[in-house]
Amino acid sequence: MNPNSEYAWRTLANVYTTLGENEIESDLWNFVIAGSNVQNPEVTNINNFLENLNNSGFVNLEELGLQGFTPTGQVYINGELVNIENLMELLNNILGGEEQIENIVIEP
């Protein structure tokens, strides 16, 4: 199998009934083999998080020097690694006014 190639399959079944043999086709199924340019889902989620904050006016990515920034896929809040579920909960809390951003530090 080759990267960025699509593959598909369908199964056929022969069903024997009192009326004779019937051929039944399944749905058509397909998938694509990911290439090397596929982005880590965690990185995509972090980019979406930053864009939501930017678009909502909570941060200015340009002022922070984050335009075109590619995250590592890891976010630390107060020194603790945060998973994507907690990051999305934080975003909802910020957008809902329940939490505020005091500062953002980008480490190399």
Protein backbone atom coordinates (compact mmCIF):
# COMPACT_ATOMS: atom_id res chain seq x y z
CA MET A 1 0.00 0.00 0.00
CA ASN A 2 1.23 3.47 -0.88
CA PRO A 3 0.98 6.76 1.05
CA ASN A 4 -1.76 9.15 -0.10
CA SER A 5 -3.45 6.33 -2.05
CA GLU A 6 -7.10 5.45 -1.73
CA TYR A 7 -8.25 1.84 -1.47
CA ALA A 8 -11.77 0.48 -1.65
CA TRP A 9 -13.54 -2.82 -1.23
CA ARG A 10 -16.97 -4.36 -1.37
CA THR A 11 -17.97 -7.85 -0.31
CA LEU A 12 -20.31 -10.16 -2.14
CA ALA A 13 -22.29 -12.88 -0.43
CA ASN A 14 -24.20 -15.73 -2.00
CA VAL A 15 -27.32 -16.43 0.00
CA TYR A 16 -29.18 -19.64 -0.67
CA THR A 17 -32.93 -19.52 -0.09
CA THR A 18 -35.88 -21.67 -1.07
CA LEU A 19 -36.26 -19.42 -4.11
CA GLY A 20 -32.68 -20.04 -5.21
CA GLU A 21 -29.36 -18.27 -4.92
CA ASN A 22 -29.19 -14.49 -4.33
CA GLU A 23 -26.08 -12.40 -4.53
CA ILE A 24 -25.92 -9.56 -2.00
CA GLU A 25 -23.42 -6.70 -2.21
CA SER A 26 -22.17 -4.78 0.81
CA ASP A 27 -21.72 -1.04 0.88
CA LEU A 28 -18.58 0.28 -0.75
CA TRP A 29 -15.89 0.96 1.89
CA ASN A 30 -12.74 2.99 1.35
CA PHE A 31 -9.77 4.42 3.17
CA VAL A 32 -6.66 6.47 2.40
CA ILE A 33 -3.17 5.60 3.54
CA ALA A 34 -1.79 8.69 5.28
CA GLY A 35 1.27 10.34 3.82
CA SER A 36 4.15 11.88 5.68
CA ASN A 37 2.53 15.32 5.43
CA VAL A 38 -0.41 14.36 7.64
CA GLN A 39 -0.47 16.55 10.74
CA ASN A 40 -0.68 15.14 14.25
CA PRO A 41 -4.30 15.52 15.49
CA GLU A 42 -3.05 17.06 18.74
CA VAL A 43 -1.25 19.77 16.75
CA THR A 44 -4.42 20.42 14.74
CA ASN A 45 -6.44 20.70 17.97
CA ILE A 46 -3.94 23.14 19.48
CA ASN A 47 -3.96 25.25 16.31
CA ASN A 48 -7.78 25.31 16.44
CA PHE A 49 -7.63 26.30 20.12
CA LEU A 50 -5.28 29.21 19.34
CA GLU A 51 -7.38 30.31 16.35
CA ASN A 52 -10.55 30.28 18.50
CA LEU A 53 -8.84 32.48 21.10
CA ASN A 54 -7.55 34.79 18.37
CA ASN A 55 -10.87 35.03 16.53
CA SER A 56 -12.72 35.71 19.80
CA GLY A 57 -10.36 38.57 20.67
CA PHE A 58 -8.88 36.94 23.78
CA VAL A 59 -5.37 36.87 22.32
CA ASN A 60 -3.67 38.43 19.33
CA LEU A 61 -1.52 35.77 17.69
CA GLU A 62 0.29 38.36 15.58
CA GLU A 63 1.27 40.43 18.64
CA LEU A 64 2.46 37.24 20.36
CA GLY A 65 4.52 36.32 17.29
CA LEU A 66 2.46 33.16 16.75
CA GLN A 67 1.28 33.67 13.17
CA GLY A 68 2.35 30.49 11.39
CA PHE A 69 3.42 28.91 14.69
CA THR A 70 3.49 25.10 14.60
CA PRO A 71 2.93 23.66 18.07
CA THR A 72 4.65 20.51 19.30
CA GLY A 73 1.36 18.91 20.29
CA GLN A 74 1.92 19.50 23.99
CA VAL A 75 0.39 22.27 26.07
CA TYR A 76 1.44 23.00 29.65
CA ILE A 77 -0.69 25.11 31.95
CA ASN A 78 0.92 26.15 35.21
CA GLY A 79 3.67 23.61 34.54
CA GLU A 80 1.31 20.66 34.00
CA LEU A 81 0.76 18.83 30.72
CA VAL A 82 -2.85 19.29 29.60
CA ASN A 83 -4.74 16.78 27.44
CA ILE A 84 -7.00 17.90 24.60
CA GLU A 85 -10.21 17.32 26.55
CA ASN A 86 -9.04 19.66 29.32
CA LEU A 87 -7.82 22.15 26.74
CA MET A 88 -11.27 22.23 25.10
CA GLU A 89 -12.91 22.61 28.52
CA LEU A 90 -10.58 25.54 29.22
CA LEU A 91 -11.48 27.13 25.88
CA ASN A 92 -15.19 26.84 26.67
CA ASN A 93 -14.60 28.36 30.12
CA ILE A 94 -12.64 31.26 28.60
CA LEU A 95 -15.28 31.87 25.95
CA GLY A 96 -17.99 31.66 28.65
CA GLY A 97 -16.22 34.21 30.85
CA GLU A 98 -15.55 31.70 33.64
CA GLU A 99 -11.75 31.87 33.26
CA GLN A 100 -9.32 34.52 32.05
CA ILE A 101 -5.92 34.44 30.39
CA GLU A 102 -3.33 36.25 32.49
CA ASN A 103 -0.37 35.64 30.21
CA ILE A 104 0.98 33.31 27.55
CA VAL A 105 4.57 32.10 27.42
CA ILE A 106 5.95 30.36 24.35
CA GLU A 107 9.03 28.27 25.05
CA PRO A 108 11.43 27.20 22.31
